[in-house]
Every structure is written in C-alpha cells, then in structure tokens.
Protein backbone atom coordinates (compact mmCIF):
# COMPACT_ATOMS: atom_id res chain seq x y z
CA MET A 1 -6.32 -10.57 -16.44
CA ILE A 2 -3.26 -11.27 -14.28
CA LYS A 3 -2.77 -14.96 -13.79
CA PRO A 4 -2.71 -15.80 -10.06
CA THR A 5 0.45 -17.61 -9.03
CA THR A 6 -0.61 -18.95 -5.65
CA VAL A 7 -3.67 -20.44 -4.05
CA THR A 8 -3.96 -17.31 -1.86
CA GLN A 9 -3.94 -15.01 -4.88
CA THR A 10 -6.57 -17.17 -6.58
CA PHE A 11 -8.78 -17.12 -3.50
CA LEU A 12 -8.43 -13.36 -3.03
CA ALA A 13 -9.10 -12.70 -6.70
CA LEU A 14 -12.24 -14.85 -6.65
CA SER A 15 -13.60 -13.44 -3.38
CA PHE A 16 -12.94 -9.90 -4.61
CA LEU A 17 -14.65 -10.53 -7.96
CA LEU A 18 -17.71 -12.23 -6.46
CA GLU A 19 -18.61 -9.02 -4.63
CA MET A 20 -18.76 -7.03 -7.89
CA ASP A 21 -21.65 -6.55 -10.25
CA PHE A 22 -21.09 -7.02 -14.00
CA VAL A 23 -20.24 -3.37 -14.75
CA GLU A 24 -17.73 -3.23 -11.89
CA TYR A 25 -16.22 -6.49 -13.14
CA GLN A 26 -15.78 -5.13 -16.68
CA CYS A 27 -14.12 -2.01 -15.29
CA PHE A 28 -11.87 -4.12 -13.03
CA VAL A 29 -10.75 -6.32 -15.96
CA ARG A 30 -10.05 -3.28 -18.16
CA ILE A 31 -7.92 -1.69 -15.43
CA ARG A 32 -6.04 -4.94 -14.68
CA MET A 33 -5.19 -5.33 -18.38
CA THR A 34 -3.40 -1.95 -18.39
CA LEU A 35 -0.96 -2.92 -15.63
CA ILE A 36 2.67 -3.24 -16.55
CA LYS A 37 3.80 -6.70 -15.53
CA THR A 38 7.31 -8.12 -15.43
CA GLU A 39 8.80 -11.26 -13.95
CA PHE A 40 10.82 -9.37 -11.32
CA TYR A 41 8.65 -6.46 -10.30
CA ILE A 42 5.26 -5.95 -8.74
CA PRO A 43 2.81 -4.71 -11.41
CA TYR A 44 1.84 -1.07 -11.52
CA ASN A 45 -0.50 1.16 -13.48
CA PRO A 46 1.56 3.73 -15.44
CA LYS A 47 -1.51 5.99 -15.71
CA LEU A 48 -1.05 6.81 -12.01
CA LYS A 49 2.46 8.28 -12.41
CA GLU A 50 1.37 11.91 -12.61
CA ARG A 51 -1.00 11.56 -9.65
CA ALA A 52 1.79 9.97 -7.57
CA ARG A 53 4.12 12.82 -8.51
CA VAL A 54 1.53 15.39 -7.38
CA LEU A 55 1.03 13.54 -4.08
CA ARG A 56 4.81 13.44 -3.47
CA LYS A 57 5.03 17.20 -3.99
CA ASN A 58 2.07 17.87 -1.67
CA PRO A 59 2.37 15.56 1.36
CA THR A 60 0.02 15.72 4.31
CA GLU A 61 1.38 16.94 7.63
CA ALA A 62 1.42 13.38 9.00
CA GLU A 63 3.31 12.11 5.92
CA GLU A 64 5.93 14.83 6.38
CA VAL A 65 6.37 14.00 10.06
CA ILE A 66 6.84 10.25 9.55
CA TRP A 67 9.10 10.86 6.54
CA TYR A 68 11.44 13.38 8.13
CA GLN A 69 11.48 11.90 11.63
CA LEU A 70 11.62 8.18 10.84
CA LEU A 71 11.75 6.94 7.27
CA ARG A 72 14.04 9.28 5.35
CA ASP A 73 17.16 8.14 7.22
CA CYS A 74 16.02 4.58 7.86
CA LYS A 75 18.56 1.83 7.15
CA PHE A 76 16.23 0.52 4.42
CA GLN A 77 15.20 2.73 1.52
CA PHE A 78 11.57 3.83 1.47
CA TYR A 79 9.76 5.36 -1.49
CA ARG A 80 7.02 7.94 -1.03
CA GLN A 81 3.74 7.66 -2.95
CA LYS A 82 4.74 4.46 -4.74
CA ILE A 83 2.47 2.90 -7.37
CA ILE A 84 1.70 -0.76 -6.70
CA ASP A 85 -0.92 -2.50 -8.82
CA ASN A 86 -3.71 0.08 -9.22
CA PHE A 87 -2.93 1.86 -5.96
CA ILE A 88 -0.66 4.62 -4.74
CA VAL A 89 0.68 3.67 -1.31
CA ASP A 90 2.06 6.28 1.09
CA PHE A 91 5.43 4.58 1.74
CA TYR A 92 7.00 1.41 0.32
CA CYS A 93 10.18 -0.43 1.26
CA PRO A 94 11.00 -2.96 -1.49
CA LYS A 95 13.76 -4.70 0.51
CA GLN A 96 11.30 -5.50 3.28
CA LYS A 97 8.20 -5.72 1.04
CA LEU A 98 6.51 -3.36 3.47
CA VAL A 99 3.86 -0.69 2.90
CA ILE A 100 3.15 1.99 5.49
CA GLU A 101 -0.18 3.78 5.16
CA ILE A 102 -1.16 6.94 7.02
CA ASP A 103 -4.95 7.09 7.33
CA GLY A 104 -6.74 10.41 7.68
CA GLU A 105 -10.40 11.12 8.38
CA SER A 106 -11.49 9.96 4.92
CA HIS A 107 -10.61 6.38 5.94
CA TYR A 108 -13.10 6.20 8.82
CA SER A 109 -16.32 5.61 6.88
CA GLU A 110 -17.60 2.05 6.38
CA ASP A 111 -17.09 2.27 2.59
CA ALA A 112 -13.52 3.47 3.05
CA LYS A 113 -12.79 0.71 5.58
CA SER A 114 -14.13 -1.90 3.16
CA TYR A 115 -12.06 -0.44 0.30
CA ASP A 116 -8.93 -0.34 2.50
CA GLN A 117 -9.48 -3.99 3.48
CA LYS A 118 -9.75 -5.12 -0.16
CA ARG A 119 -6.72 -3.02 -1.06
CA THR A 120 -4.73 -4.57 1.81
CA GLU A 121 -5.73 -8.07 0.68
CA ILE A 122 -4.52 -7.36 -2.86
CA LEU A 123 -1.21 -5.93 -1.59
CA GLU A 124 -0.73 -8.91 0.74
CA SER A 125 -1.32 -11.27 -2.19
CA TYR A 126 2.00 -9.91 -3.56
CA GLY A 127 3.71 -10.82 -0.27
CA ILE A 128 3.66 -7.23 0.99
CA LYS A 129 3.02 -6.50 4.66
CA VAL A 130 0.82 -3.45 5.29
CA LEU A 131 1.14 -1.33 8.44
CA ARG A 132 -1.49 1.34 9.05
CA PHE A 133 -1.27 4.36 11.32
CA THR A 134 -3.74 7.18 11.82
CA ASN A 135 -2.84 10.83 11.37
CA GLU A 136 -3.33 11.28 15.12
CA GLN A 137 -0.86 8.50 15.96
CA VAL A 138 1.80 10.04 13.73
CA LEU A 139 1.23 13.65 14.78
CA ASN A 140 0.62 13.13 18.51
CA ASN A 141 2.54 9.96 19.35
CA ILE A 142 5.46 9.48 16.97
CA ASN A 143 7.26 7.42 19.64
CA TYR A 144 4.47 4.83 19.43
CA VAL A 145 4.91 4.68 15.64
CA ARG A 146 8.68 4.35 16.11
CA LYS A 147 8.22 1.45 18.56
CA VAL A 148 5.84 -0.36 16.22
CA LEU A 149 8.30 0.01 13.34
CA GLU A 150 11.27 -1.03 15.49
CA SER A 151 9.49 -4.12 16.76
CA SER A 152 7.82 -4.88 13.46
CA SER A 153 8.58 -8.33 12.23
CA ALA A 154 8.73 -7.24 8.63
CA PRO A 155 8.64 -10.08 6.09
CA LYS A 156 12.44 -10.30 5.98
CA GLY A 157 12.57 -10.49 9.79
CA LEU A 158 14.81 -7.46 10.38
CA PRO A 159 13.96 -4.43 12.50
CA LEU A 160 13.33 -1.41 10.30
CA LEU A 161 14.84 1.42 12.31
C-alpha cells in the first residue's frame, strides 16, 4: 500500500478504508499495489493507458468545446484524459496541479456523487485542485467557465487563461 506522506493523506486513507467491507478492501489494496510510484511523479495505474487513449480519441461534445475554445491554447499545458492514481481525469495541468472534470448525466446519482467525492479527496491528497463543470455549463455558458478559470486561484496562484 502507498505510504501516506502527510497527516491529510493518512486521514483520507483511513476514512476511505473504514467505509469499505473486507472484499472491497482487498480489491483496493490489490489495485493500489499495481500503481507505478516514483519520487517525482504522481502515481498512476498503467493498466488504464489503453482506456485513456480510447477516451482521448472519442471525446464528449462538452470535452471538445472546452478543449478547443479554452484549454488547447492556454498558457499552461493541459493533458486530456490523464491517468492519476487509479483514475482517468478529463483534463490535467501539471504546472498548476489542477484537474478539470466535465460531469455528464451519469454523475447526478447519489452513488456517483459519493464516488466523485471520494475521488476528489484522493486527488486533493496529492495537492491537486479539482474544478468541476457540468456538460450544460460548458455547452451553454462557456463564458461562465472561462470566468471561473480566469479567476481561479489555482494552487500556484496564477490565472490560467
């Protein structure tokens, strides 16, 4: 299992594990053991590479809009469908340690909201800030998304756009 390096990571790991039953815990430990870990990079699961590649080649309409209208020519480099830990995030900016997620209808159920919250907590334990937008916000109000990103106090304290 990955050794937590901060009190926050320890707390998040413990609170996350306490909500699991034994079978879920065994599965969680097995998955965590397969992560590639280095001193300089955030761990990732190499088994997700092909899935991330497929997602990059088949973006949703909202992902295309935010990519081509805002992120592709941003002053900071963003990666699409980036693997972090055991997750594939929609967009990741390593310089700002920022994840942008575009949530569609599948994220509105209670189970999905709970999963997204745990996922966000794990990403934040690596010092990554997570911004979430809905498909509707991106497709119908891209100026709102632009304003949020421009005014975002990303971890490094610089405006993104």
